[in-house]
Amino acid sequence: MRTYYRYKEGEAAAGSIVIKFYRSGDQIRGFIRKVTEPGQHDTVFSSEELQVNKAFLIADNKHREAPDTPIFVELTEGVRWNPAWGQLN
């Protein structure tokens, strides 16, 4: 089971992948971005909202490009971590 890290503004190094989960109606959706150097806009992968499992799949695929960089998760208001998704530190 994969370990993910709780995202906090300014703590993710350039190159890190961040999955942001939010509520869309009665469902949880996600966006994925790659953190860039300060002063630049983060790179967003797939401009459409993703289902949870698809967001994890894409993040895992992007992670292969930089396997030493952790994957961060940002939970917005009303979204709780589901232990079935993995471990959140």
PDB file of N, CA and C in Angstrom:
ATOM      1  N   MET A   1       0.854  -1.175   0.000  1.00  0.00           N
ATOM      2  CA  MET A   1       0.000   0.000   0.000  1.00  0.00           C
ATOM      3  C   MET A   1       0.902   1.241   0.000  1.00  0.00           C
ATOM      4  N   ARG A   2       0.617   2.178  -0.887  1.00  0.00           N
ATOM      5  CA  ARG A   2       1.431   3.374  -1.041  1.00  0.00           C
ATOM      6  C   ARG A   2       1.207   4.351   0.113  1.00  0.00           C
ATOM      7  N   THR A   3       2.272   5.072   0.457  1.00  0.00           N
ATOM      8  CA  THR A   3       2.201   6.133   1.455  1.00  0.00           C
ATOM      9  C   THR A   3       2.168   7.472   0.751  1.00  0.00           C
ATOM     10  N   TYR A   4       1.247   8.314   1.159  1.00  0.00           N
ATOM     11  CA  TYR A   4       1.111   9.678   0.639  1.00  0.00           C
ATOM     12  C   TYR A   4       1.382  10.635   1.783  1.00  0.00           C
ATOM     13  N   TYR A   5       1.648  11.885   1.456  1.00  0.00           N
ATOM     14  CA  TYR A   5       1.994  12.883   2.463  1.00  0.00           C
ATOM     15  C   TYR A   5       1.016  14.044   2.396  1.00  0.00           C
ATOM     16  N   ARG A   6       0.604  14.495   3.567  1.00  0.00           N
ATOM     17  CA  ARG A   6      -0.343  15.612   3.649  1.00  0.00           C
ATOM     18  C   ARG A   6       0.333  16.877   3.123  1.00  0.00           C
ATOM     19  N   TYR A   7      -0.326  17.534   2.191  1.00  0.00           N
ATOM     20  CA  TYR A   7       0.224  18.742   1.575  1.00  0.00           C
ATOM     21  C   TYR A   7      -0.005  19.946   2.477  1.00  0.00           C
ATOM     22  N   LYS A   8       1.049  20.729   2.639  1.00  0.00           N
ATOM     23  CA  LYS A   8       0.979  22.014   3.329  1.00  0.00           C
ATOM     24  C   LYS A   8       1.681  23.021   2.434  1.00  0.00           C
ATOM     25  N   GLU A   9       1.058  24.160   2.254  1.00  0.00           N
ATOM     26  CA  GLU A   9       1.583  25.211   1.378  1.00  0.00           C
ATOM     27  C   GLU A   9       3.051  25.483   1.665  1.00  0.00           C
ATOM     28  N   GLY A  10       3.867  25.451   0.624  1.00  0.00           N
ATOM     29  CA  GLY A  10       5.274  25.786   0.749  1.00  0.00           C
ATOM     30  C   GLY A  10       6.182  24.655   1.189  1.00  0.00           C
ATOM     31  N   GLU A  11       5.630  23.484   1.514  1.00  0.00           N
ATOM     32  CA  GLU A  11       6.458  22.378   1.995  1.00  0.00           C
ATOM     33  C   GLU A  11       6.840  21.388   0.897  1.00  0.00           C
ATOM     34  N   ALA A  12       6.173  21.428  -0.228  1.00  0.00           N
ATOM     35  CA  ALA A  12       6.469  20.486  -1.312  1.00  0.00           C
ATOM     36  C   ALA A  12       7.543  21.077  -2.224  1.00  0.00           C
ATOM     37  N   ALA A  13       8.602  20.317  -2.453  1.00  0.00           N
ATOM     38  CA  ALA A  13       9.705  20.776  -3.304  1.00  0.00           C
ATOM     39  C   ALA A  13       9.282  20.784  -4.768  1.00  0.00           C
ATOM     40  N   ALA A  14       9.972  21.581  -5.559  1.00  0.00           N
ATOM     41  CA  ALA A  14       9.732  21.603  -6.999  1.00  0.00           C
ATOM     42  C   ALA A  14       9.880  20.184  -7.535  1.00  0.00           C
ATOM     43  N   GLY A  15       8.965  19.801  -8.402  1.00  0.00           N
ATOM     44  CA  GLY A  15       8.958  18.449  -8.951  1.00  0.00           C
ATOM     45  C   GLY A  15       8.001  17.516  -8.242  1.00  0.00           C
ATOM     46  N   SER A  16       7.517  17.907  -7.067  1.00  0.00           N
ATOM     47  CA  SER A  16       6.571  17.074  -6.317  1.00  0.00           C
ATOM     48  C   SER A  16       5.216  17.044  -7.014  1.00  0.00           C
ATOM     49  N   ILE A  17       4.536  15.925  -6.865  1.00  0.00           N
ATOM     50  CA  ILE A  17       3.181  15.757  -7.383  1.00  0.00           C
ATOM     51  C   ILE A  17       2.208  15.994  -6.232  1.00  0.00           C
ATOM     52  N   VAL A  18       1.147  16.777  -6.503  1.00  0.00           N
ATOM     53  CA  VAL A  18       0.113  17.049  -5.499  1.00  0.00           C
ATOM     54  C   VAL A  18      -1.241  16.660  -6.089  1.00  0.00           C
ATOM     55  N   ILE A  19      -1.973  15.836  -5.351  1.00  0.00           N
ATOM     56  CA  ILE A  19      -3.356  15.513  -5.713  1.00  0.00           C
ATOM     57  C   ILE A  19      -4.243  16.333  -4.785  1.00  0.00           C
ATOM     58  N   LYS A  20      -5.092  17.150  -5.370  1.00  0.00           N
ATOM     59  CA  LYS A  20      -6.016  17.964  -4.576  1.00  0.00           C
ATOM     60  C   LYS A  20      -7.409  17.364  -4.710  1.00  0.00           C
ATOM     61  N   PHE A  21      -7.964  16.898  -3.585  1.00  0.00           N
ATOM     62  CA  PHE A  21      -9.301  16.328  -3.577  1.00  0.00           C
ATOM     63  C   PHE A  21     -10.292  17.351  -3.021  1.00  0.00           C
ATOM     64  N   TYR A  22     -11.467  17.398  -3.638  1.00  0.00           N
ATOM     65  CA  TYR A  22     -12.506  18.344  -3.242  1.00  0.00           C
ATOM     66  C   TYR A  22     -13.860  17.709  -3.509  1.00  0.00           C
ATOM     67  N   ARG A  23     -14.882  18.305  -2.976  1.00  0.00           N
ATOM     68  CA  ARG A  23     -16.248  17.823  -3.189  1.00  0.00           C
ATOM     69  C   ARG A  23     -16.836  18.491  -4.422  1.00  0.00           C
ATOM     70  N   SER A  24     -17.484  17.670  -5.247  1.00  0.00           N
ATOM     71  CA  SER A  24     -18.237  18.143  -6.403  1.00  0.00           C
ATOM     72  C   SER A  24     -19.602  17.482  -6.300  1.00  0.00           C
ATOM     73  N   GLY A  25     -20.565  18.217  -5.770  1.00  0.00           N
ATOM     74  CA  GLY A  25     -21.862  17.621  -5.469  1.00  0.00           C
ATOM     75  C   GLY A  25     -21.692  16.613  -4.354  1.00  0.00           C
ATOM     76  N   ASP A  26     -22.132  15.383  -4.605  1.00  0.00           N
ATOM     77  CA  ASP A  26     -22.006  14.345  -3.578  1.00  0.00           C
ATOM     78  C   ASP A  26     -20.815  13.424  -3.836  1.00  0.00           C
ATOM     79  N   GLN A  27     -19.922  13.826  -4.745  1.00  0.00           N
ATOM     80  CA  GLN A  27     -18.764  13.001  -5.075  1.00  0.00           C
ATOM     81  C   GLN A  27     -17.458  13.709  -4.731  1.00  0.00           C
ATOM     82  N   ILE A  28     -16.402  12.919  -4.580  1.00  0.00           N
ATOM     83  CA  ILE A  28     -15.064  13.471  -4.383  1.00  0.00           C
ATOM     84  C   ILE A  28     -14.356  13.396  -5.726  1.00  0.00           C
ATOM     85  N   ARG A  29     -13.752  14.488  -6.115  1.00  0.00           N
ATOM     86  CA  ARG A  29     -13.014  14.594  -7.373  1.00  0.00           C
ATOM     87  C   ARG A  29     -11.620  15.111  -7.066  1.00  0.00           C
ATOM     88  N   GLY A  30     -10.737  14.994  -8.049  1.00  0.00           N
ATOM     89  CA  GLY A  30      -9.368  15.438  -7.838  1.00  0.00           C
ATOM     90  C   GLY A  30      -8.752  16.104  -9.048  1.00  0.00           C
ATOM     91  N   PHE A  31      -7.748  16.920  -8.788  1.00  0.00           N
ATOM     92  CA  PHE A  31      -6.881  17.516  -9.788  1.00  0.00           C
ATOM     93  C   PHE A  31      -5.453  17.155  -9.408  1.00  0.00           C
ATOM     94  N   ILE A  32      -4.586  17.041 -10.393  1.00  0.00           N
ATOM     95  CA  ILE A  32      -3.183  16.728 -10.139  1.00  0.00           C
ATOM     96  C   ILE A  32      -2.327  17.849 -10.684  1.00  0.00           C
ATOM     97  N   ARG A  33      -1.313  18.215  -9.900  1.00  0.00           N
ATOM     98  CA  ARG A  33      -0.385  19.220 -10.380  1.00  0.00           C
ATOM     99  C   ARG A  33       1.041  18.856  -9.965  1.00  0.00           C
ATOM    100  N   LYS A  34       1.972  19.407 -10.704  1.00  0.00           N
ATOM    101  CA  LYS A  34       3.387  19.232 -10.391  1.00  0.00           C
ATOM    102  C   LYS A  34       3.899  20.582  -9.919  1.00  0.00           C
ATOM    103  N   VAL A  35       4.508  20.604  -8.742  1.00  0.00           N
ATOM    104  CA  VAL A  35       5.005  21.840  -8.141  1.00  0.00           C
ATOM    105  C   VAL A  35       6.226  22.320  -8.938  1.00  0.00           C
ATOM    106  N   THR A  36       6.249  23.616  -9.227  1.00  0.00           N
ATOM    107  CA  THR A  36       7.363  24.210  -9.956  1.00  0.00           C
ATOM    108  C   THR A  36       8.148  25.137  -9.035  1.00  0.00           C
ATOM    109  N   GLU A  37       9.190  25.719  -9.570  1.00  0.00           N
ATOM    110  CA  GLU A  37      10.012  26.659  -8.809  1.00  0.00           C
ATOM    111  C   GLU A  37       9.174  27.872  -8.396  1.00  0.00           C
ATOM    112  N   PRO A  38       9.520  28.525  -7.281  1.00  0.00           N
ATOM    113  CA  PRO A  38       8.787  29.725  -6.853  1.00  0.00           C
ATOM    114  C   PRO A  38       8.741  30.755  -7.981  1.00  0.00           C
ATOM    115  N   GLY A  39       7.583  31.384  -8.125  1.00  0.00           N
ATOM    116  CA  GLY A  39       7.401  32.401  -9.145  1.00  0.00           C
ATOM    117  C   GLY A  39       6.860  31.855 -10.457  1.00  0.00           C
ATOM    118  N   GLN A  40       6.794  30.540 -10.579  1.00  0.00           N
ATOM    119  CA  GLN A  40       6.239  29.920 -11.777  1.00  0.00           C
ATOM    120  C   GLN A  40       4.895  29.293 -11.427  1.00  0.00           C
ATOM    121  N   HIS A  41       4.078  29.091 -12.449  1.00  0.00           N
ATOM    122  CA  HIS A  41       2.788  28.435 -12.238  1.00  0.00           C
ATOM    123  C   HIS A  41       2.987  26.924 -12.248  1.00  0.00           C
ATOM    124  N   ASP A  42       2.361  26.226 -11.288  1.00  0.00           N
ATOM    125  CA  ASP A  42       2.445  24.773 -11.245  1.00  0.00           C
ATOM    126  C   ASP A  42       1.858  24.185 -12.527  1.00  0.00           C
ATOM    127  N   THR A  43       2.374  23.038 -12.929  1.00  0.00           N
ATOM    128  CA  THR A  43       1.875  22.328 -14.097  1.00  0.00           C
ATOM    129  C   THR A  43       0.685  21.491 -13.679  1.00  0.00           C
ATOM    130  N   VAL A  44      -0.453  21.661 -14.366  1.00  0.00           N
ATOM    131  CA  VAL A  44      -1.659  20.900 -14.063  1.00  0.00           C
ATOM    132  C   VAL A  44      -1.796  19.801 -15.107  1.00  0.00           C
ATOM    133  N   PHE A  45      -2.023  18.573 -14.640  1.00  0.00           N
ATOM    134  CA  PHE A  45      -2.209  17.442 -15.536  1.00  0.00           C
ATOM    135  C   PHE A  45      -3.692  17.166 -15.664  1.00  0.00           C
ATOM    136  N   SER A  46      -4.155  17.136 -16.866  1.00  0.00           N
ATOM    137  CA  SER A  46      -5.562  16.909 -17.164  1.00  0.00           C
ATOM    138  C   SER A  46      -6.397  18.017 -16.528  1.00  0.00           C
ATOM    139  N   SER A  47      -6.888  18.896 -17.353  1.00  0.00           N
ATOM    140  CA  SER A  47      -7.620  20.056 -16.846  1.00  0.00           C
ATOM    141  C   SER A  47      -9.034  19.703 -16.386  1.00  0.00           C
ATOM    142  N   GLU A  48      -9.410  18.464 -16.501  1.00  0.00           N
ATOM    143  CA  GLU A  48     -10.737  18.055 -16.053  1.00  0.00           C
ATOM    144  C   GLU A  48     -10.661  17.391 -14.687  1.00  0.00           C
ATOM    145  N   GLU A  49     -11.756  17.448 -13.970  1.00  0.00           N
ATOM    146  CA  GLU A  49     -11.778  16.800 -12.664  1.00  0.00           C
ATOM    147  C   GLU A  49     -11.757  15.292 -12.853  1.00  0.00           C
ATOM    148  N   LEU A  50     -11.077  14.625 -11.928  1.00  0.00           N
ATOM    149  CA  LEU A  50     -10.859  13.182 -12.034  1.00  0.00           C
ATOM    150  C   LEU A  50     -11.538  12.440 -10.900  1.00  0.00           C
ATOM    151  N   GLN A  51     -11.965  11.217 -11.180  1.00  0.00           N
ATOM    152  CA  GLN A  51     -12.435  10.344 -10.119  1.00  0.00           C
ATOM    153  C   GLN A  51     -11.234   9.986  -9.256  1.00  0.00           C
ATOM    154  N   VAL A  52     -11.467   9.639  -8.019  1.00  0.00           N
ATOM    155  CA  VAL A  52     -10.400   9.363  -7.056  1.00  0.00           C
ATOM    156  C   VAL A  52      -9.407   8.331  -7.592  1.00  0.00           C
ATOM    157  N   ASN A  53      -9.902   7.193  -8.042  1.00  0.00           N
ATOM    158  CA  ASN A  53      -8.994   6.134  -8.492  1.00  0.00           C
ATOM    159  C   ASN A  53      -8.178   6.567  -9.708  1.00  0.00           C
ATOM    160  N   LYS A  54      -8.762   7.342 -10.607  1.00  0.00           N
ATOM    161  CA  LYS A  54      -8.051   7.844 -11.788  1.00  0.00           C
ATOM    162  C   LYS A  54      -6.984   8.854 -11.368  1.00  0.00           C
ATOM    163  N   ALA A  55      -7.278   9.689 -10.379  1.00  0.00           N
ATOM    164  CA  ALA A  55      -6.300  10.667  -9.891  1.00  0.00           C
ATOM    165  C   ALA A  55      -5.081   9.953  -9.300  1.00  0.00           C
ATOM    166  N   PHE A  56      -5.307   8.911  -8.516  1.00  0.00           N
ATOM    167  CA  PHE A  56      -4.185   8.152  -7.960  1.00  0.00           C
ATOM    168  C   PHE A  56      -3.378   7.470  -9.061  1.00  0.00           C
ATOM    169  N   LEU A  57      -4.056   6.918 -10.042  1.00  0.00           N
ATOM    170  CA  LEU A  57      -3.372   6.238 -11.144  1.00  0.00           C
ATOM    171  C   LEU A  57      -2.466   7.204 -11.915  1.00  0.00           C
ATOM    172  N   ILE A  58      -2.980   8.366 -12.260  1.00  0.00           N
ATOM    173  CA  ILE A  58      -2.178   9.353 -12.989  1.00  0.00           C
ATOM    174  C   ILE A  58      -1.017   9.842 -12.133  1.00  0.00           C
ATOM    175  N   ALA A  59      -1.276  10.108 -10.856  1.00  0.00           N
ATOM    176  CA  ALA A  59      -0.197  10.559  -9.959  1.00  0.00           C
ATOM    177  C   ALA A  59       0.892   9.495  -9.849  1.00  0.00           C
ATOM    178  N   ASP A  60       0.495   8.245  -9.723  1.00  0.00           N
ATOM    179  CA  ASP A  60       1.478   7.161  -9.651  1.00  0.00           C
ATOM    180  C   ASP A  60       2.297   7.081 -10.934  1.00  0.00           C
ATOM    181  N   ASN A  61       1.660   7.250 -12.081  1.00  0.00           N
ATOM    182  CA  ASN A  61       2.381   7.235 -13.357  1.00  0.00           C
ATOM    183  C   ASN A  61       3.363   8.395 -13.453  1.00  0.00           C
ATOM    184  N   LYS A  62       2.951   9.582 -13.041  1.00  0.00           N
ATOM    185  CA  LYS A  62       3.839  10.751 -13.054  1.00  0.00           C
ATOM    186  C   LYS A  62       4.987  10.563 -12.065  1.00  0.00           C
ATOM    187  N   HIS A  63       4.712   9.885 -10.971  1.00  0.00           N
ATOM    188  CA  HIS A  63       5.710   9.656  -9.928  1.00  0.00           C
ATOM    189  C   HIS A  63       6.885   8.818 -10.450  1.00  0.00           C
ATOM    190  N   ARG A  64       6.631   7.996 -11.424  1.00  0.00           N
ATOM    191  CA  ARG A  64       7.693   7.156 -11.996  1.00  0.00           C
ATOM    192  C   ARG A  64       8.809   7.996 -12.622  1.00  0.00           C
ATOM    193  N   GLU A  65       8.476   9.212 -13.042  1.00  0.00           N
ATOM    194  CA  GLU A  65       9.475  10.113 -13.626  1.00  0.00           C
ATOM    195  C   GLU A  65      10.458  10.612 -12.571  1.00  0.00           C
ATOM    196  N   ALA A  66      10.020  10.685 -11.326  1.00  0.00           N
ATOM    197  CA  ALA A  66      10.858  11.160 -10.219  1.00  0.00           C
ATOM    198  C   ALA A  66      10.522  10.335  -8.980  1.00  0.00           C
ATOM    199  N   PRO A  67      10.954   9.073  -8.941  1.00  0.00           N
ATOM    200  CA  PRO A  67      10.531   8.170  -7.857  1.00  0.00           C
ATOM    201  C   PRO A  67      11.001   8.555  -6.460  1.00  0.00           C
ATOM    202  N   ASP A  68      11.972   9.438  -6.330  1.00  0.00           N
ATOM    203  CA  ASP A  68      12.436   9.857  -5.007  1.00  0.00           C
ATOM    204  C   ASP A  68      11.599  10.992  -4.425  1.00  0.00           C
ATOM    205  N   THR A  69      10.692  11.530  -5.219  1.00  0.00           N
ATOM    206  CA  THR A  69       9.857  12.646  -4.785  1.00  0.00           C
ATOM    207  C   THR A  69       8.520  12.102  -4.282  1.00  0.00           C
ATOM    208  N   PRO A  70       8.094  12.490  -3.082  1.00  0.00           N
ATOM    209  CA  PRO A  70       6.824  11.965  -2.549  1.00  0.00           C
ATOM    210  C   PRO A  70       5.613  12.533  -3.297  1.00  0.00           C
ATOM    211  N   ILE A  71       4.503  11.827  -3.173  1.00  0.00           N
ATOM    212  CA  ILE A  71       3.224  12.323  -3.685  1.00  0.00           C
ATOM    213  C   ILE A  71       2.477  12.925  -2.498  1.00  0.00           C
ATOM    214  N   PHE A  72       2.069  14.173  -2.663  1.00  0.00           N
ATOM    215  CA  PHE A  72       1.332  14.884  -1.617  1.00  0.00           C
ATOM    216  C   PHE A  72      -0.157  14.863  -1.924  1.00  0.00           C
ATOM    217  N   VAL A  73      -0.962  14.934  -0.869  1.00  0.00           N
ATOM    218  CA  VAL A  73      -2.414  14.980  -1.001  1.00  0.00           C
ATOM    219  C   VAL A  73      -2.924  16.205  -0.246  1.00  0.00           C
ATOM    220  N   GLU A  74      -3.748  16.983  -0.940  1.00  0.00           N
ATOM    221  CA  GLU A  74      -4.392  18.150  -0.339  1.00  0.00           C
ATOM    222  C   GLU A  74      -5.882  17.847  -0.235  1.00  0.00           C
ATOM    223  N   LEU A  75      -6.414  17.884   0.974  1.00  0.00           N
ATOM    224  CA  LEU A  75      -7.832  17.620   1.205  1.00  0.00           C
ATOM    225  C   LEU A  75      -8.533  18.943   1.495  1.00  0.00           C
ATOM    226  N   THR A  76      -9.518  19.280   0.671  1.00  0.00           N
ATOM    227  CA  THR A  76     -10.254  20.520   0.907  1.00  0.00           C
ATOM    228  C   THR A  76     -11.368  20.266   1.911  1.00  0.00           C
ATOM    229  N   GLU A  77     -12.044  21.328   2.285  1.00  0.00           N
ATOM    230  CA  GLU A  77     -13.102  21.242   3.281  1.00  0.00           C
ATOM    231  C   GLU A  77     -14.139  20.195   2.898  1.00  0.00           C
ATOM    232  N   GLY A  78     -14.466  19.347   3.849  1.00  0.00           N
ATOM    233  CA  GLY A  78     -15.493  18.336   3.635  1.00  0.00           C
ATOM    234  C   GLY A  78     -14.980  17.022   3.073  1.00  0.00           C
ATOM    235  N   VAL A  79     -13.675  16.928   2.806  1.00  0.00           N
ATOM    236  CA  VAL A  79     -13.109  15.681   2.283  1.00  0.00           C
ATOM    237  C   VAL A  79     -12.270  15.038   3.378  1.00  0.00           C
ATOM    238  N   ARG A  80     -12.557  13.785   3.658  1.00  0.00           N
ATOM    239  CA  ARG A  80     -11.805  13.031   4.661  1.00  0.00           C
ATOM    240  C   ARG A  80     -11.014  11.939   3.957  1.00  0.00           C
ATOM    241  N   TRP A  81      -9.852  11.634   4.510  1.00  0.00           N
ATOM    242  CA  TRP A  81      -9.007  10.586   3.958  1.00  0.00           C
ATOM    243  C   TRP A  81      -9.675   9.235   4.151  1.00  0.00           C
ATOM    244  N   ASN A  82      -9.672   8.434   3.104  1.00  0.00           N
ATOM    245  CA  ASN A  82     -10.193   7.076   3.158  1.00  0.00           C
ATOM    246  C   ASN A  82      -8.997   6.132   3.275  1.00  0.00           C
ATOM    247  N   PRO A  83      -8.859   5.372   4.356  1.00  0.00           N
ATOM    248  CA  PRO A  83      -7.715   4.477   4.527  1.00  0.00           C
ATOM    249  C   PRO A  83      -7.543   3.464   3.386  1.00  0.00           C
ATOM    250  N   ALA A  84      -8.590   3.186   2.642  1.00  0.00           N
ATOM    251  CA  ALA A  84      -8.489   2.278   1.494  1.00  0.00           C
ATOM    252  C   ALA A  84      -7.603   2.870   0.391  1.00  0.00           C
ATOM    253  N   TRP A  85      -7.385   4.180   0.419  1.00  0.00           N
ATOM    254  CA  TRP A  85      -6.562   4.835  -0.595  1.00  0.00           C
ATOM    255  C   TRP A  85      -5.076   4.616  -0.349  1.00  0.00           C
ATOM    256  N   GLY A  86      -4.698   4.266   0.853  1.00  0.00           N
ATOM    257  CA  GLY A  86      -3.308   4.108   1.224  1.00  0.00           C
ATOM    258  C   GLY A  86      -3.074   4.736   2.586  1.00  0.00           C
ATOM    259  N   GLN A  87      -1.832   4.988   2.897  1.00  0.00           N
ATOM    260  CA  GLN A  87      -1.481   5.605   4.182  1.00  0.00           C
ATOM    261  C   GLN A  87      -1.184   7.074   3.960  1.00  0.00           C
ATOM    262  N   LEU A  88      -1.716   7.934   4.815  1.00  0.00           N
ATOM    263  CA  LEU A  88      -1.470   9.376   4.731  1.00  0.00           C
ATOM    264  C   LEU A  88      -0.661   9.809   5.938  1.00  0.00           C
ATOM    265  N   ASN A  89       0.524  10.319   5.687  1.00  0.00           N
ATOM    266  CA  ASN A  89       1.411  10.814   6.762  1.00  0.00           C
ATOM    267  C   ASN A  89       1.360  12.316   6.815  1.00  0.00           C
TER     268      ASN A  89
END
